[in-house]
Amino acid sequence: MIKLVRVDHRLLHGQVIFSWTKQVGTNYIIVADDKVPNDPISMMALSIAKPVDCELSIIPFSQLRKLVDENASKNIMIIVKGPAEALQLAKELPEVTEINYGGVAKKAGSKEYGKAVYLNEAELKATQELISMGKKIYIQMVPSSPIEHASFEN
């Protein structure tokens, strides 16, 4: 069962390991990305960062549906890098109803939409498309911080 879908440009890091996995009872983490599985250094770093009590798969989006179905009895957390990847995930897994924006890096041309969430025009468009698909988007860094409800408008 999918317990959490999170957008975080850092993918797997301390906040995810210590806060979210405990809060939602995750025992299986899936990092979905089309580039990371082909990057040996990123693969090694993510493998080292995983919690001891969680399984980890780092896969391209083409394998996401199959992997989620095969592991439906586990408590799954899926992590993607950004809003474009979240949109891709929502199309692969239409049953996902909400997405946690935990961190989208500040960059040239981006606007702040919440604490640690900066969207450029393309990321805003992807977010708006997610919302138009009926997906609930909320900003929350860690479970103990308040949920931010952003207005994702231009």
N, C-alpha and C. Protein backbone atom coordinates (compact mmCIF):
# COMPACT_ATOMS: atom_id res chain seq x y z
N MET A 1 0.84 -1.18 0.00
CA MET A 1 0.00 0.00 0.00
C MET A 1 0.88 1.25 0.00
N ILE A 2 0.57 2.18 -0.85
CA ILE A 2 1.32 3.43 -0.91
C ILE A 2 0.90 4.31 0.26
N LYS A 3 1.85 4.61 1.14
CA LYS A 3 1.58 5.41 2.33
C LYS A 3 1.91 6.89 2.13
N LEU A 4 2.90 7.17 1.28
CA LEU A 4 3.33 8.55 1.06
C LEU A 4 4.01 8.66 -0.29
N VAL A 5 3.67 9.73 -1.01
CA VAL A 5 4.40 10.12 -2.21
C VAL A 5 4.98 11.48 -1.92
N ARG A 6 6.28 11.61 -2.08
CA ARG A 6 6.98 12.83 -1.70
C ARG A 6 7.84 13.36 -2.84
N VAL A 7 7.76 14.67 -3.05
CA VAL A 7 8.65 15.36 -3.98
C VAL A 7 9.76 15.98 -3.14
N ASP A 8 10.99 15.61 -3.45
CA ASP A 8 12.13 16.16 -2.72
C ASP A 8 13.35 16.09 -3.63
N HIS A 9 13.88 17.25 -3.99
CA HIS A 9 15.02 17.27 -4.91
C HIS A 9 16.24 16.54 -4.36
N ARG A 10 16.29 16.35 -3.05
CA ARG A 10 17.42 15.64 -2.43
C ARG A 10 17.18 14.13 -2.36
N LEU A 11 15.98 13.71 -2.73
CA LEU A 11 15.57 12.30 -2.69
C LEU A 11 15.64 11.75 -1.27
N LEU A 12 16.59 10.90 -0.98
CA LEU A 12 16.66 10.22 0.31
C LEU A 12 17.69 10.91 1.20
N HIS A 13 17.24 11.43 2.33
CA HIS A 13 18.14 12.14 3.24
C HIS A 13 17.58 12.08 4.65
N GLY A 14 18.24 12.71 5.60
CA GLY A 14 17.92 12.62 7.02
C GLY A 14 16.46 12.80 7.38
N GLN A 15 15.80 13.84 6.85
CA GLN A 15 14.40 14.06 7.19
C GLN A 15 13.53 12.89 6.77
N VAL A 16 13.80 12.36 5.60
CA VAL A 16 13.02 11.22 5.12
C VAL A 16 13.29 10.01 6.01
N ILE A 17 14.56 9.75 6.26
CA ILE A 17 14.94 8.58 7.04
C ILE A 17 14.34 8.61 8.44
N PHE A 18 14.53 9.70 9.14
CA PHE A 18 14.16 9.72 10.55
C PHE A 18 12.73 10.15 10.84
N SER A 19 12.14 10.93 10.01
CA SER A 19 10.80 11.43 10.29
C SER A 19 9.71 10.70 9.54
N TRP A 20 9.76 10.77 8.22
CA TRP A 20 8.65 10.24 7.43
C TRP A 20 8.52 8.72 7.52
N THR A 21 9.62 7.99 7.46
CA THR A 21 9.50 6.54 7.50
C THR A 21 8.87 6.08 8.80
N LYS A 22 9.23 6.72 9.90
CA LYS A 22 8.65 6.36 11.21
C LYS A 22 7.18 6.77 11.27
N GLN A 23 6.87 7.98 10.81
CA GLN A 23 5.50 8.50 10.89
C GLN A 23 4.51 7.64 10.11
N VAL A 24 4.87 7.22 8.92
CA VAL A 24 3.92 6.47 8.10
C VAL A 24 4.15 4.96 8.13
N GLY A 25 5.13 4.53 8.93
CA GLY A 25 5.37 3.09 9.06
C GLY A 25 5.91 2.45 7.80
N THR A 26 6.72 3.20 7.07
CA THR A 26 7.29 2.71 5.82
C THR A 26 8.27 1.57 6.06
N ASN A 27 8.15 0.53 5.24
CA ASN A 27 9.16 -0.52 5.26
C ASN A 27 9.73 -0.78 3.86
N TYR A 28 9.28 0.05 2.91
CA TYR A 28 9.78 -0.08 1.54
C TYR A 28 9.78 1.30 0.88
N ILE A 29 10.94 1.73 0.43
CA ILE A 29 11.09 3.03 -0.23
C ILE A 29 11.41 2.79 -1.70
N ILE A 30 10.68 3.51 -2.54
CA ILE A 30 10.96 3.47 -3.98
C ILE A 30 11.37 4.87 -4.42
N VAL A 31 12.54 4.98 -5.00
CA VAL A 31 12.98 6.22 -5.63
C VAL A 31 12.72 6.01 -7.12
N ALA A 32 11.80 6.81 -7.68
CA ALA A 32 11.46 6.70 -9.09
C ALA A 32 12.09 7.85 -9.86
N ASP A 33 12.94 7.51 -10.80
CA ASP A 33 13.64 8.53 -11.58
C ASP A 33 14.25 7.86 -12.80
N ASP A 34 14.23 8.51 -13.92
CA ASP A 34 14.79 7.90 -15.13
C ASP A 34 16.30 8.09 -15.27
N LYS A 35 16.90 8.99 -14.48
CA LYS A 35 18.34 9.22 -14.58
C LYS A 35 19.14 8.54 -13.47
N VAL A 36 18.66 8.62 -12.25
CA VAL A 36 19.41 8.11 -11.09
C VAL A 36 19.81 6.64 -11.22
N PRO A 37 18.95 5.75 -11.72
CA PRO A 37 19.37 4.34 -11.82
C PRO A 37 20.59 4.11 -12.72
N ASN A 38 20.90 5.09 -13.56
CA ASN A 38 22.07 4.98 -14.44
C ASN A 38 23.29 5.74 -13.92
N ASP A 39 23.19 6.23 -12.68
CA ASP A 39 24.28 7.00 -12.07
C ASP A 39 24.84 6.22 -10.88
N PRO A 40 25.96 5.52 -11.06
CA PRO A 40 26.50 4.66 -10.00
C PRO A 40 26.77 5.40 -8.68
N ILE A 41 27.22 6.64 -8.76
CA ILE A 41 27.52 7.39 -7.53
C ILE A 41 26.25 7.71 -6.77
N SER A 42 25.21 8.16 -7.48
CA SER A 42 23.92 8.43 -6.83
C SER A 42 23.33 7.14 -6.26
N MET A 43 23.43 6.07 -7.00
CA MET A 43 22.91 4.78 -6.53
C MET A 43 23.59 4.37 -5.22
N MET A 44 24.90 4.52 -5.17
CA MET A 44 25.64 4.15 -3.98
C MET A 44 25.25 5.05 -2.80
N ALA A 45 25.18 6.35 -3.03
CA ALA A 45 24.84 7.29 -1.97
C ALA A 45 23.44 7.02 -1.41
N LEU A 46 22.48 6.77 -2.28
CA LEU A 46 21.12 6.49 -1.82
C LEU A 46 21.05 5.16 -1.07
N SER A 47 21.79 4.18 -1.53
CA SER A 47 21.80 2.88 -0.85
C SER A 47 22.38 2.99 0.56
N ILE A 48 23.38 3.81 0.71
CA ILE A 48 23.99 4.02 2.03
C ILE A 48 23.03 4.78 2.95
N ALA A 49 22.26 5.70 2.39
CA ALA A 49 21.37 6.55 3.18
C ALA A 49 20.08 5.87 3.63
N LYS A 50 19.76 4.73 3.07
CA LYS A 50 18.48 4.09 3.40
C LYS A 50 18.44 3.62 4.85
N PRO A 51 17.26 3.70 5.45
CA PRO A 51 17.11 3.21 6.81
C PRO A 51 17.35 1.69 6.87
N VAL A 52 17.88 1.22 7.96
CA VAL A 52 18.21 -0.19 8.13
C VAL A 52 16.97 -1.08 8.01
N ASP A 53 15.84 -0.57 8.52
CA ASP A 53 14.62 -1.39 8.56
C ASP A 53 13.72 -1.21 7.34
N CYS A 54 14.27 -0.65 6.27
CA CYS A 54 13.50 -0.44 5.03
C CYS A 54 14.22 -1.06 3.85
N GLU A 55 13.43 -1.62 2.95
CA GLU A 55 13.96 -2.03 1.66
C GLU A 55 14.00 -0.80 0.76
N LEU A 56 14.86 -0.81 -0.25
CA LEU A 56 14.98 0.32 -1.16
C LEU A 56 15.10 -0.18 -2.59
N SER A 57 14.32 0.43 -3.47
CA SER A 57 14.47 0.20 -4.91
C SER A 57 14.62 1.55 -5.58
N ILE A 58 15.57 1.64 -6.49
CA ILE A 58 15.80 2.86 -7.27
C ILE A 58 15.57 2.45 -8.71
N ILE A 59 14.47 2.96 -9.28
CA ILE A 59 14.01 2.42 -10.56
C ILE A 59 13.59 3.52 -11.53
N PRO A 60 13.59 3.20 -12.82
CA PRO A 60 13.00 4.12 -13.80
C PRO A 60 11.48 4.03 -13.72
N PHE A 61 10.80 5.06 -14.20
CA PHE A 61 9.35 5.11 -14.14
C PHE A 61 8.70 3.93 -14.86
N SER A 62 9.35 3.39 -15.87
CA SER A 62 8.77 2.28 -16.62
C SER A 62 8.55 1.04 -15.76
N GLN A 63 9.23 0.93 -14.63
CA GLN A 63 9.10 -0.23 -13.74
C GLN A 63 8.19 0.04 -12.54
N LEU A 64 7.70 1.27 -12.41
CA LEU A 64 6.98 1.68 -11.20
C LEU A 64 5.70 0.88 -10.96
N ARG A 65 4.84 0.82 -11.94
CA ARG A 65 3.56 0.13 -11.77
C ARG A 65 3.76 -1.32 -11.32
N LYS A 66 4.65 -2.02 -12.03
CA LYS A 66 4.90 -3.43 -11.72
C LYS A 66 5.44 -3.60 -10.30
N LEU A 67 6.36 -2.76 -9.91
CA LEU A 67 6.98 -2.87 -8.59
C LEU A 67 5.98 -2.57 -7.48
N VAL A 68 5.15 -1.56 -7.67
CA VAL A 68 4.13 -1.23 -6.68
C VAL A 68 3.14 -2.39 -6.55
N ASP A 69 2.72 -2.95 -7.66
CA ASP A 69 1.78 -4.08 -7.63
C ASP A 69 2.38 -5.30 -6.93
N GLU A 70 3.64 -5.59 -7.22
CA GLU A 70 4.32 -6.75 -6.62
C GLU A 70 4.54 -6.59 -5.12
N ASN A 71 4.55 -5.35 -4.64
CA ASN A 71 4.84 -5.08 -3.23
C ASN A 71 3.67 -4.44 -2.50
N ALA A 72 2.48 -4.70 -2.98
CA ALA A 72 1.27 -4.07 -2.43
C ALA A 72 1.06 -4.35 -0.95
N SER A 73 1.61 -5.43 -0.43
CA SER A 73 1.43 -5.77 0.98
C SER A 73 2.37 -4.97 1.90
N LYS A 74 3.31 -4.25 1.32
CA LYS A 74 4.27 -3.45 2.10
C LYS A 74 3.77 -2.02 2.25
N ASN A 75 4.33 -1.31 3.22
CA ASN A 75 4.04 0.11 3.41
C ASN A 75 5.06 0.90 2.60
N ILE A 76 4.60 1.42 1.47
CA ILE A 76 5.50 2.02 0.48
C ILE A 76 5.52 3.54 0.56
N MET A 77 6.73 4.08 0.48
CA MET A 77 6.94 5.51 0.29
C MET A 77 7.63 5.66 -1.06
N ILE A 78 7.09 6.54 -1.90
CA ILE A 78 7.69 6.79 -3.21
C ILE A 78 8.23 8.22 -3.20
N ILE A 79 9.46 8.36 -3.64
CA ILE A 79 10.12 9.67 -3.68
C ILE A 79 10.51 9.98 -5.11
N VAL A 80 10.19 11.21 -5.54
CA VAL A 80 10.59 11.71 -6.86
C VAL A 80 11.28 13.06 -6.67
N LYS A 81 12.05 13.47 -7.69
CA LYS A 81 12.85 14.69 -7.60
C LYS A 81 12.07 15.99 -7.69
N GLY A 82 11.02 16.04 -8.51
CA GLY A 82 10.36 17.32 -8.74
C GLY A 82 8.95 17.17 -9.25
N PRO A 83 8.29 18.30 -9.50
CA PRO A 83 6.91 18.27 -9.97
C PRO A 83 6.71 17.55 -11.31
N ALA A 84 7.64 17.66 -12.23
CA ALA A 84 7.50 16.95 -13.51
C ALA A 84 7.48 15.44 -13.28
N GLU A 85 8.34 14.98 -12.38
CA GLU A 85 8.38 13.56 -12.04
C GLU A 85 7.12 13.15 -11.28
N ALA A 86 6.59 14.04 -10.44
CA ALA A 86 5.34 13.76 -9.73
C ALA A 86 4.20 13.59 -10.72
N LEU A 87 4.19 14.40 -11.75
CA LEU A 87 3.17 14.29 -12.79
C LEU A 87 3.31 12.96 -13.53
N GLN A 88 4.52 12.59 -13.83
CA GLN A 88 4.77 11.30 -14.48
C GLN A 88 4.29 10.16 -13.58
N LEU A 89 4.58 10.26 -12.30
CA LEU A 89 4.14 9.25 -11.33
C LEU A 89 2.61 9.17 -11.29
N ALA A 90 1.94 10.33 -11.26
CA ALA A 90 0.48 10.36 -11.19
C ALA A 90 -0.15 9.69 -12.42
N LYS A 91 0.51 9.79 -13.54
CA LYS A 91 0.00 9.14 -14.74
C LYS A 91 0.23 7.63 -14.70
N GLU A 92 1.33 7.21 -14.09
CA GLU A 92 1.63 5.77 -13.94
C GLU A 92 0.76 5.14 -12.84
N LEU A 93 0.49 5.91 -11.79
CA LEU A 93 -0.25 5.40 -10.63
C LEU A 93 -1.44 6.32 -10.34
N PRO A 94 -2.50 6.22 -11.12
CA PRO A 94 -3.64 7.13 -10.94
C PRO A 94 -4.31 7.02 -9.58
N GLU A 95 -4.06 5.93 -8.85
CA GLU A 95 -4.65 5.78 -7.53
C GLU A 95 -4.05 6.71 -6.48
N VAL A 96 -2.91 7.32 -6.78
CA VAL A 96 -2.30 8.28 -5.85
C VAL A 96 -3.19 9.51 -5.80
N THR A 97 -3.62 9.89 -4.59
CA THR A 97 -4.55 11.01 -4.45
C THR A 97 -3.89 12.26 -3.89
N GLU A 98 -2.77 12.10 -3.18
CA GLU A 98 -2.10 13.28 -2.64
C GLU A 98 -0.59 13.14 -2.71
N ILE A 99 0.06 14.30 -2.82
CA ILE A 99 1.50 14.34 -2.99
C ILE A 99 2.07 15.40 -2.05
N ASN A 100 3.06 14.99 -1.29
CA ASN A 100 3.75 15.86 -0.35
C ASN A 100 4.92 16.54 -1.06
N TYR A 101 4.90 17.87 -1.08
CA TYR A 101 6.05 18.63 -1.59
C TYR A 101 6.93 18.95 -0.38
N GLY A 102 8.08 18.29 -0.33
CA GLY A 102 8.98 18.49 0.80
C GLY A 102 10.13 19.43 0.48
N GLY A 103 10.55 19.47 -0.76
CA GLY A 103 11.65 20.34 -1.13
C GLY A 103 11.82 20.41 -2.63
N VAL A 104 11.70 21.61 -3.16
CA VAL A 104 11.99 21.86 -4.57
C VAL A 104 12.96 23.04 -4.57
N ALA A 105 14.15 22.81 -5.06
CA ALA A 105 15.25 23.77 -4.94
C ALA A 105 14.97 25.12 -5.61
N LYS A 106 15.51 26.16 -4.98
CA LYS A 106 15.45 27.50 -5.54
C LYS A 106 16.41 27.55 -6.73
N LYS A 107 15.93 28.17 -7.80
CA LYS A 107 16.74 28.27 -9.01
C LYS A 107 16.37 29.55 -9.75
N ALA A 108 17.11 29.87 -10.78
CA ALA A 108 16.81 31.07 -11.56
C ALA A 108 15.39 30.98 -12.11
N GLY A 109 14.64 32.04 -11.95
CA GLY A 109 13.29 32.09 -12.47
C GLY A 109 12.23 31.40 -11.63
N SER A 110 12.61 30.96 -10.42
CA SER A 110 11.62 30.28 -9.59
C SER A 110 11.01 31.26 -8.59
N LYS A 111 9.83 30.89 -8.11
CA LYS A 111 9.08 31.69 -7.15
C LYS A 111 8.80 30.82 -5.94
N GLU A 112 8.84 31.42 -4.76
CA GLU A 112 8.59 30.67 -3.53
C GLU A 112 7.09 30.42 -3.35
N TYR A 113 6.75 29.16 -3.12
CA TYR A 113 5.36 28.77 -2.88
C TYR A 113 5.16 28.23 -1.47
N GLY A 114 6.25 27.99 -0.77
CA GLY A 114 6.20 27.49 0.59
C GLY A 114 7.61 27.29 1.08
N LYS A 115 7.72 26.93 2.35
CA LYS A 115 9.05 26.73 2.93
C LYS A 115 9.78 25.63 2.13
N ALA A 116 10.87 25.99 1.52
CA ALA A 116 11.72 25.08 0.74
C ALA A 116 11.07 24.58 -0.55
N VAL A 117 10.05 25.28 -1.03
CA VAL A 117 9.42 24.91 -2.30
C VAL A 117 9.42 26.11 -3.23
N TYR A 118 10.26 26.03 -4.26
CA TYR A 118 10.43 27.09 -5.24
C TYR A 118 10.15 26.49 -6.61
N LEU A 119 9.18 27.03 -7.30
CA LEU A 119 8.81 26.47 -8.60
C LEU A 119 9.09 27.45 -9.73
N ASN A 120 9.68 26.92 -10.80
CA ASN A 120 9.81 27.72 -12.00
C ASN A 120 8.54 27.52 -12.82
N GLU A 121 8.48 28.12 -13.99
CA GLU A 121 7.26 28.07 -14.79
C GLU A 121 6.85 26.64 -15.16
N ALA A 122 7.81 25.81 -15.56
CA ALA A 122 7.51 24.42 -15.94
C ALA A 122 7.03 23.62 -14.74
N GLU A 123 7.66 23.83 -13.59
CA GLU A 123 7.28 23.11 -12.37
C GLU A 123 5.89 23.54 -11.89
N LEU A 124 5.60 24.83 -12.04
CA LEU A 124 4.27 25.33 -11.67
C LEU A 124 3.22 24.71 -12.58
N LYS A 125 3.52 24.65 -13.87
CA LYS A 125 2.57 24.07 -14.83
C LYS A 125 2.31 22.60 -14.50
N ALA A 126 3.36 21.85 -14.16
CA ALA A 126 3.19 20.43 -13.79
C ALA A 126 2.34 20.31 -12.52
N THR A 127 2.58 21.20 -11.56
CA THR A 127 1.81 21.20 -10.31
C THR A 127 0.34 21.51 -10.59
N GLN A 128 0.10 22.49 -11.42
CA GLN A 128 -1.28 22.85 -11.77
C GLN A 128 -1.97 21.70 -12.50
N GLU A 129 -1.23 20.97 -13.31
CA GLU A 129 -1.81 19.82 -14.01
C GLU A 129 -2.17 18.72 -13.01
N LEU A 130 -1.31 18.51 -12.02
CA LEU A 130 -1.61 17.54 -10.97
C LEU A 130 -2.91 17.91 -10.25
N ILE A 131 -3.05 19.19 -9.92
CA ILE A 131 -4.24 19.67 -9.23
C ILE A 131 -5.47 19.48 -10.12
N SER A 132 -5.32 19.76 -11.41
CA SER A 132 -6.46 19.59 -12.33
C SER A 132 -6.85 18.12 -12.47
N MET A 133 -5.93 17.21 -12.17
CA MET A 133 -6.22 15.77 -12.18
C MET A 133 -6.90 15.34 -10.88
N GLY A 134 -7.06 16.28 -9.96
CA GLY A 134 -7.71 15.97 -8.69
C GLY A 134 -6.75 15.56 -7.58
N LYS A 135 -5.47 15.77 -7.79
CA LYS A 135 -4.48 15.41 -6.78
C LYS A 135 -4.36 16.53 -5.74
N LYS A 136 -4.30 16.15 -4.48
CA LYS A 136 -4.10 17.12 -3.40
C LYS A 136 -2.59 17.31 -3.24
N ILE A 137 -2.15 18.55 -3.33
CA ILE A 137 -0.73 18.87 -3.17
C ILE A 137 -0.60 19.64 -1.85
N TYR A 138 0.28 19.18 -0.98
CA TYR A 138 0.52 19.90 0.27
C TYR A 138 2.02 19.98 0.53
N ILE A 139 2.40 21.04 1.21
CA ILE A 139 3.80 21.29 1.53
C ILE A 139 4.01 20.99 3.01
N GLN A 140 4.94 20.09 3.28
CA GLN A 140 5.27 19.76 4.67
C GLN A 140 6.66 19.16 4.69
N MET A 141 7.55 19.82 5.39
CA MET A 141 8.94 19.36 5.45
C MET A 141 9.06 18.04 6.22
N VAL A 142 8.57 18.05 7.44
CA VAL A 142 8.61 16.86 8.30
C VAL A 142 7.23 16.70 8.94
N PRO A 143 6.90 15.52 9.42
CA PRO A 143 5.57 15.30 9.98
C PRO A 143 5.21 16.23 11.14
N SER A 144 6.20 16.68 11.89
CA SER A 144 5.93 17.54 13.05
C SER A 144 5.72 19.01 12.67
N SER A 145 6.04 19.37 11.43
CA SER A 145 5.81 20.76 11.00
C SER A 145 4.40 20.89 10.45
N PRO A 146 3.84 22.11 10.51
CA PRO A 146 2.47 22.29 10.01
C PRO A 146 2.40 22.12 8.49
N ILE A 147 1.25 21.66 8.03
CA ILE A 147 1.02 21.54 6.59
C ILE A 147 0.78 22.94 6.03
N GLU A 148 1.47 23.25 4.94
CA GLU A 148 1.27 24.53 4.26
C GLU A 148 0.36 24.29 3.06
N HIS A 149 -0.66 25.10 2.95
CA HIS A 149 -1.56 25.03 1.79
C HIS A 149 -1.23 26.21 0.88
N ALA A 150 -0.53 25.94 -0.18
CA ALA A 150 -0.11 26.99 -1.09
C ALA A 150 -1.14 27.19 -2.20
N SER A 151 -1.18 28.39 -2.69
CA SER A 151 -1.98 28.69 -3.86
C SER A 151 -1.04 28.63 -5.05
N PHE A 152 -1.16 27.60 -5.83
CA PHE A 152 -0.25 27.39 -6.95
C PHE A 152 -0.75 28.12 -8.18
N GLU A 153 -0.66 29.44 -8.09
CA GLU A 153 -1.06 30.30 -9.20
C GLU A 153 0.15 31.06 -9.68
N ASN A 154 0.06 31.60 -10.89
CA ASN A 154 1.19 32.34 -11.48
C ASN A 154 1.57 33.54 -10.66
